[in-house]
Amino acid sequence: MAAPFPPNLMTAIRLPLAPLAVACLVAGGTAGIVAAAVLALLLELTDLADGWMARRYDAVTDFGKLFDPFADAFCRFTLFVGLYAVGRADLWMILAIFYRDSTVSFLRSIAATRQVVLAARPSGKLKAVVQGIGTQVCFLAMGAASLWPDLPWLDVVPWWTMLVITLVTVASLFDYLGGNRSLLEDALRGDPAP
């Protein structure tokens, strides 16, 4: 039975939602922040839905295996840049997340040239969960702070959440580097691919 909605199309729909969420966030005001929070939630729900539908309806494709993680990184990183733009994250956090994702992408490229599939590590899965939940916490806290300005502690929740996201993300980088050290050493020495 065919999926009621093509999973890859659902993944594609997520791409413009992330910049739209950031545009709402930067526009500010209660309406803008609440709209950004709703869009951020929609991003995570559609991320869960496209994977579930692909597996449920046996619609997993090689393209989808690459497209979905790309869309995840694209959307989350866009949201993180938005949090930086409104002062809820520091530049070093955004750079650390970017450097981790770029380095792991580079590792995957090295592995591909050596006919090795770089498997997702548990730390990478944990990073994805922490980032997914963390972005929701950030946007919900900002939405709540705009609705209830007499609760000043809500204003610091996004920064501390971004700190946790960043630390988990950086830990994942070191895990990927350590877990794939032999692959890197072989590639650096110029050893032939297996």
C-alpha atoms as a PDB file:
ATOM      1  CA  MET A   1       0.000   0.000   0.000  1.00  0.00           C
ATOM      2  CA  ALA A   2       1.307   3.421  -0.952  1.00  0.00           C
ATOM      3  CA  ALA A   3       1.957   6.074   1.677  1.00  0.00           C
ATOM      4  CA  PRO A   4      -0.886   8.626   1.917  1.00  0.00           C
ATOM      5  CA  PHE A   5       1.712  11.380   1.511  1.00  0.00           C
ATOM      6  CA  PRO A   6       5.171  10.790  -0.031  1.00  0.00           C
ATOM      7  CA  PRO A   7       7.723  10.847   2.819  1.00  0.00           C
ATOM      8  CA  ASN A   8      10.365  12.630   0.720  1.00  0.00           C
ATOM      9  CA  LEU A   9       7.846  15.343  -0.141  1.00  0.00           C
ATOM     10  CA  MET A  10       7.078  15.782   3.557  1.00  0.00           C
ATOM     11  CA  THR A  11      10.811  16.101   4.183  1.00  0.00           C
ATOM     12  CA  ALA A  12      11.049  18.729   1.425  1.00  0.00           C
ATOM     13  CA  ILE A  13       8.190  20.748   2.925  1.00  0.00           C
ATOM     14  CA  ARG A  14      10.228  21.139   6.115  1.00  0.00           C
ATOM     15  CA  LEU A  15      12.975  23.107   4.363  1.00  0.00           C
ATOM     16  CA  PRO A  16      11.107  26.416   3.892  1.00  0.00           C
ATOM     17  CA  LEU A  17       9.439  26.131   7.322  1.00  0.00           C
ATOM     18  CA  ALA A  18      12.728  26.663   9.191  1.00  0.00           C
ATOM     19  CA  PRO A  19      13.564  30.046   7.599  1.00  0.00           C
ATOM     20  CA  LEU A  20       9.919  31.049   8.029  1.00  0.00           C
ATOM     21  CA  ALA A  21      10.154  30.208  11.748  1.00  0.00           C
ATOM     22  CA  VAL A  22      13.280  32.354  12.041  1.00  0.00           C
ATOM     23  CA  ALA A  23      11.602  35.215  10.171  1.00  0.00           C
ATOM     24  CA  CYS A  24       8.702  35.089  12.652  1.00  0.00           C
ATOM     25  CA  LEU A  25      11.118  34.942  15.570  1.00  0.00           C
ATOM     26  CA  VAL A  26      13.137  37.923  14.364  1.00  0.00           C
ATOM     27  CA  ALA A  27       9.926  39.877  13.671  1.00  0.00           C
ATOM     28  CA  GLY A  28       9.333  39.614  17.410  1.00  0.00           C
ATOM     29  CA  GLY A  29       6.270  40.392  19.411  1.00  0.00           C
ATOM     30  CA  THR A  30       4.092  37.772  20.999  1.00  0.00           C
ATOM     31  CA  ALA A  31       2.502  36.766  17.689  1.00  0.00           C
ATOM     32  CA  GLY A  32       5.868  36.333  15.956  1.00  0.00           C
ATOM     33  CA  ILE A  33       7.394  34.329  18.794  1.00  0.00           C
ATOM     34  CA  VAL A  34       4.337  32.092  19.170  1.00  0.00           C
ATOM     35  CA  ALA A  35       4.238  31.536  15.384  1.00  0.00           C
ATOM     36  CA  ALA A  36       7.937  30.606  15.451  1.00  0.00           C
ATOM     37  CA  ALA A  37       7.289  28.152  18.298  1.00  0.00           C
ATOM     38  CA  VAL A  38       4.409  26.546  16.380  1.00  0.00           C
ATOM     39  CA  LEU A  39       6.545  26.226  13.245  1.00  0.00           C
ATOM     40  CA  ALA A  40       9.451  24.743  15.239  1.00  0.00           C
ATOM     41  CA  LEU A  41       7.056  22.167  16.683  1.00  0.00           C
ATOM     42  CA  LEU A  42       5.701  21.430  13.203  1.00  0.00           C
ATOM     43  CA  LEU A  43       9.259  20.839  11.994  1.00  0.00           C
ATOM     44  CA  GLU A  44       9.847  18.181  14.640  1.00  0.00           C
ATOM     45  CA  LEU A  45       6.454  16.527  14.116  1.00  0.00           C
ATOM     46  CA  THR A  46       6.943  16.283  10.355  1.00  0.00           C
ATOM     47  CA  ASP A  47      10.449  14.909  10.954  1.00  0.00           C
ATOM     48  CA  LEU A  48       8.930  12.109  13.028  1.00  0.00           C
ATOM     49  CA  ALA A  49       6.098  11.608  10.542  1.00  0.00           C
ATOM     50  CA  ASP A  50       8.225  11.304   7.397  1.00  0.00           C
ATOM     51  CA  GLY A  51      10.436   8.629   8.949  1.00  0.00           C
ATOM     52  CA  TRP A  52       7.471   6.738  10.355  1.00  0.00           C
ATOM     53  CA  MET A  53       5.623   6.819   7.019  1.00  0.00           C
ATOM     54  CA  ALA A  54       8.706   5.717   5.081  1.00  0.00           C
ATOM     55  CA  ARG A  55       9.106   2.669   7.331  1.00  0.00           C
ATOM     56  CA  ARG A  56       5.394   1.924   7.736  1.00  0.00           C
ATOM     57  CA  TYR A  57       4.636   1.983   4.016  1.00  0.00           C
ATOM     58  CA  ASP A  58       7.965   0.477   2.914  1.00  0.00           C
ATOM     59  CA  ALA A  59       8.841   3.714   1.136  1.00  0.00           C
ATOM     60  CA  VAL A  60      12.441   3.967   2.367  1.00  0.00           C
ATOM     61  CA  THR A  61      14.697   5.127  -0.487  1.00  0.00           C
ATOM     62  CA  ASP A  62      18.427   5.718  -0.830  1.00  0.00           C
ATOM     63  CA  PHE A  63      17.605   9.359  -1.566  1.00  0.00           C
ATOM     64  CA  GLY A  64      15.475   9.591   1.572  1.00  0.00           C
ATOM     65  CA  LYS A  65      18.261   8.107   3.702  1.00  0.00           C
ATOM     66  CA  LEU A  66      20.411  11.077   2.723  1.00  0.00           C
ATOM     67  CA  PHE A  67      17.702  13.713   2.357  1.00  0.00           C
ATOM     68  CA  ASP A  68      16.170  13.286   5.823  1.00  0.00           C
ATOM     69  CA  PRO A  69      19.388  13.864   7.823  1.00  0.00           C
ATOM     70  CA  PHE A  70      20.248  16.768   5.529  1.00  0.00           C
ATOM     71  CA  ALA A  71      16.829  18.318   6.200  1.00  0.00           C
ATOM     72  CA  ASP A  72      17.265  17.729   9.953  1.00  0.00           C
ATOM     73  CA  ALA A  73      20.614  19.520   9.991  1.00  0.00           C
ATOM     74  CA  PHE A  74      19.371  22.302   7.697  1.00  0.00           C
ATOM     75  CA  CYS A  75      16.277  22.993   9.799  1.00  0.00           C
ATOM     76  CA  ARG A  76      17.871  22.745  13.229  1.00  0.00           C
ATOM     77  CA  PHE A  77      20.882  24.814  12.276  1.00  0.00           C
ATOM     78  CA  THR A  78      18.578  27.467  10.814  1.00  0.00           C
ATOM     79  CA  LEU A  79      16.674  27.569  14.115  1.00  0.00           C
ATOM     80  CA  PHE A  80      19.938  27.822  16.059  1.00  0.00           C
ATOM     81  CA  VAL A  81      21.027  30.787  13.926  1.00  0.00           C
ATOM     82  CA  GLY A  82      17.647  32.359  14.660  1.00  0.00           C
ATOM     83  CA  LEU A  83      18.229  31.889  18.392  1.00  0.00           C
ATOM     84  CA  TYR A  84      21.600  33.601  17.986  1.00  0.00           C
ATOM     85  CA  ALA A  85      19.990  36.449  16.028  1.00  0.00           C
ATOM     86  CA  VAL A  86      17.617  37.205  18.909  1.00  0.00           C
ATOM     87  CA  GLY A  87      20.311  36.886  21.587  1.00  0.00           C
ATOM     88  CA  ARG A  88      19.288  33.504  23.008  1.00  0.00           C
ATOM     89  CA  ALA A  89      22.509  31.733  21.959  1.00  0.00           C
ATOM     90  CA  ASP A  90      26.162  32.757  21.770  1.00  0.00           C
ATOM     91  CA  LEU A  91      28.196  32.735  18.574  1.00  0.00           C
ATOM     92  CA  TRP A  92      30.596  30.101  19.938  1.00  0.00           C
ATOM     93  CA  MET A  93      27.642  27.728  20.409  1.00  0.00           C
ATOM     94  CA  ILE A  94      26.542  28.120  16.800  1.00  0.00           C
ATOM     95  CA  LEU A  95      30.106  27.665  15.562  1.00  0.00           C
ATOM     96  CA  ALA A  96      30.637  24.546  17.688  1.00  0.00           C
ATOM     97  CA  ILE A  97      27.470  22.972  16.284  1.00  0.00           C
ATOM     98  CA  PHE A  98      28.470  23.933  12.734  1.00  0.00           C
ATOM     99  CA  TYR A  99      32.002  22.569  13.162  1.00  0.00           C
ATOM    100  CA  ARG A 100      30.676  19.279  14.521  1.00  0.00           C
ATOM    101  CA  ASP A 101      28.245  18.765  11.658  1.00  0.00           C
ATOM    102  CA  SER A 102      30.839  19.768   9.052  1.00  0.00           C
ATOM    103  CA  THR A 103      33.436  17.427  10.542  1.00  0.00           C
ATOM    104  CA  VAL A 104      31.055  14.457  10.657  1.00  0.00           C
ATOM    105  CA  SER A 105      30.040  15.181   7.037  1.00  0.00           C
ATOM    106  CA  PHE A 106      33.728  15.170   6.136  1.00  0.00           C
ATOM    107  CA  LEU A 107      34.184  11.848   7.939  1.00  0.00           C
ATOM    108  CA  ARG A 108      31.250  10.412   5.983  1.00  0.00           C
ATOM    109  CA  SER A 109      32.871  11.594   2.746  1.00  0.00           C
ATOM    110  CA  ILE A 110      36.177   9.978   3.675  1.00  0.00           C
ATOM    111  CA  ALA A 111      34.350   6.761   4.537  1.00  0.00           C
ATOM    112  CA  ALA A 112      32.452   6.835   1.234  1.00  0.00           C
ATOM    113  CA  THR A 113      35.686   7.157  -0.763  1.00  0.00           C
ATOM    114  CA  ARG A 114      36.900   4.047   1.045  1.00  0.00           C
ATOM    115  CA  GLN A 115      33.658   2.124   0.391  1.00  0.00           C
ATOM    116  CA  VAL A 116      32.770   2.232   4.087  1.00  0.00           C
ATOM    117  CA  VAL A 117      29.362   3.231   5.396  1.00  0.00           C
ATOM    118  CA  LEU A 118      29.850   5.428   8.446  1.00  0.00           C
ATOM    119  CA  ALA A 119      27.187   4.128  10.806  1.00  0.00           C
ATOM    120  CA  ALA A 120      25.337   6.472  13.112  1.00  0.00           C
ATOM    121  CA  ARG A 121      26.821   6.287  16.586  1.00  0.00           C
ATOM    122  CA  PRO A 122      24.708   6.314  19.755  1.00  0.00           C
ATOM    123  CA  SER A 123      26.155   9.747  20.567  1.00  0.00           C
ATOM    124  CA  GLY A 124      24.865  11.009  17.224  1.00  0.00           C
ATOM    125  CA  LYS A 125      21.399   9.695  17.977  1.00  0.00           C
ATOM    126  CA  LEU A 126      21.527  11.265  21.446  1.00  0.00           C
ATOM    127  CA  LYS A 127      22.631  14.554  19.862  1.00  0.00           C
ATOM    128  CA  ALA A 128      19.666  14.462  17.489  1.00  0.00           C
ATOM    129  CA  VAL A 129      17.214  13.828  20.347  1.00  0.00           C
ATOM    130  CA  VAL A 130      18.744  16.557  22.538  1.00  0.00           C
ATOM    131  CA  GLN A 131      18.708  19.038  19.656  1.00  0.00           C
ATOM    132  CA  GLY A 132      15.115  18.169  18.737  1.00  0.00           C
ATOM    133  CA  ILE A 133      13.803  18.455  22.281  1.00  0.00           C
ATOM    134  CA  GLY A 134      16.096  21.386  23.078  1.00  0.00           C
ATOM    135  CA  THR A 135      14.826  23.530  20.218  1.00  0.00           C
ATOM    136  CA  GLN A 136      11.276  22.914  21.441  1.00  0.00           C
ATOM    137  CA  VAL A 137      12.251  23.962  24.972  1.00  0.00           C
ATOM    138  CA  CYS A 138      13.884  27.146  23.636  1.00  0.00           C
ATOM    139  CA  PHE A 139      10.929  28.179  21.497  1.00  0.00           C
ATOM    140  CA  LEU A 140       8.319  27.231  24.097  1.00  0.00           C
ATOM    141  CA  ALA A 141      10.191  29.196  26.782  1.00  0.00           C
ATOM    142  CA  MET A 142      10.374  32.258  24.532  1.00  0.00           C
ATOM    143  CA  GLY A 143       6.685  31.929  23.692  1.00  0.00           C
ATOM    144  CA  ALA A 144       5.804  31.593  27.361  1.00  0.00           C
ATOM    145  CA  ALA A 145       8.052  34.548  28.272  1.00  0.00           C
ATOM    146  CA  SER A 146       6.248  36.734  25.740  1.00  0.00           C
ATOM    147  CA  LEU A 147       2.882  35.690  27.157  1.00  0.00           C
ATOM    148  CA  TRP A 148       3.922  35.941  30.819  1.00  0.00           C
ATOM    149  CA  PRO A 149       6.591  38.666  31.080  1.00  0.00           C
ATOM    150  CA  ASP A 150       6.272  38.636  34.888  1.00  0.00           C
ATOM    151  CA  LEU A 151       8.224  35.320  34.902  1.00  0.00           C
ATOM    152  CA  PRO A 152      11.755  36.569  34.164  1.00  0.00           C
ATOM    153  CA  TRP A 153      13.361  33.139  34.674  1.00  0.00           C
ATOM    154  CA  LEU A 154      11.820  32.054  31.353  1.00  0.00           C
ATOM    155  CA  ASP A 155      14.190  34.449  29.545  1.00  0.00           C
ATOM    156  CA  VAL A 156      17.297  32.469  30.547  1.00  0.00           C
ATOM    157  CA  VAL A 157      15.910  29.004  29.706  1.00  0.00           C
ATOM    158  CA  PRO A 158      16.831  29.187  25.989  1.00  0.00           C
ATOM    159  CA  TRP A 159      20.481  30.105  26.676  1.00  0.00           C
ATOM    160  CA  TRP A 160      20.967  27.294  29.190  1.00  0.00           C
ATOM    161  CA  THR A 161      19.194  24.875  26.877  1.00  0.00           C
ATOM    162  CA  MET A 162      21.496  25.904  24.037  1.00  0.00           C
ATOM    163  CA  LEU A 163      24.466  25.320  26.330  1.00  0.00           C
ATOM    164  CA  VAL A 164      23.327  21.733  26.949  1.00  0.00           C
ATOM    165  CA  ILE A 165      22.693  21.227  23.219  1.00  0.00           C
ATOM    166  CA  THR A 166      26.168  22.538  22.406  1.00  0.00           C
ATOM    167  CA  LEU A 167      27.944  20.381  24.993  1.00  0.00           C
ATOM    168  CA  VAL A 168      26.150  17.216  23.852  1.00  0.00           C
ATOM    169  CA  THR A 169      26.896  18.099  20.218  1.00  0.00           C
ATOM    170  CA  VAL A 170      30.610  18.645  20.904  1.00  0.00           C
ATOM    171  CA  ALA A 171      30.791  15.402  22.910  1.00  0.00           C
ATOM    172  CA  SER A 172      29.299  13.641  19.899  1.00  0.00           C
ATOM    173  CA  LEU A 173      32.058  15.082  17.702  1.00  0.00           C
ATOM    174  CA  PHE A 174      34.771  13.628  19.920  1.00  0.00           C
ATOM    175  CA  ASP A 175      32.966  10.291  19.971  1.00  0.00           C
ATOM    176  CA  TYR A 176      32.813  10.213  16.147  1.00  0.00           C
ATOM    177  CA  LEU A 177      36.489  11.152  15.863  1.00  0.00           C
ATOM    178  CA  GLY A 178      37.553   8.559  18.427  1.00  0.00           C
ATOM    179  CA  GLY A 179      35.313   5.840  17.044  1.00  0.00           C
ATOM    180  CA  ASN A 180      36.609   6.367  13.514  1.00  0.00           C
ATOM    181  CA  ARG A 181      40.257   6.979  14.331  1.00  0.00           C
ATOM    182  CA  SER A 182      41.521   3.997  12.335  1.00  0.00           C
ATOM    183  CA  LEU A 183      39.567   5.132   9.274  1.00  0.00           C
ATOM    184  CA  LEU A 184      41.137   8.587   9.538  1.00  0.00           C
ATOM    185  CA  GLU A 185      44.630   7.188  10.107  1.00  0.00           C
ATOM    186  CA  ASP A 186      44.333   4.871   7.084  1.00  0.00           C
ATOM    187  CA  ALA A 187      43.115   7.737   4.911  1.00  0.00           C
ATOM    188  CA  LEU A 188      45.900  10.054   6.127  1.00  0.00           C
ATOM    189  CA  ARG A 189      48.560   7.419   5.425  1.00  0.00           C
ATOM    190  CA  GLY A 190      47.100   6.881   1.977  1.00  0.00           C
ATOM    191  CA  ASP A 191      46.481   3.199   2.623  1.00  0.00           C
ATOM    192  CA  PRO A 192      44.371   1.629  -0.116  1.00  0.00           C
ATOM    193  CA  ALA A 193      40.671   1.296   0.538  1.00  0.00           C
ATOM    194  CA  PRO A 194      39.586  -2.174   1.707  1.00  0.00           C
END
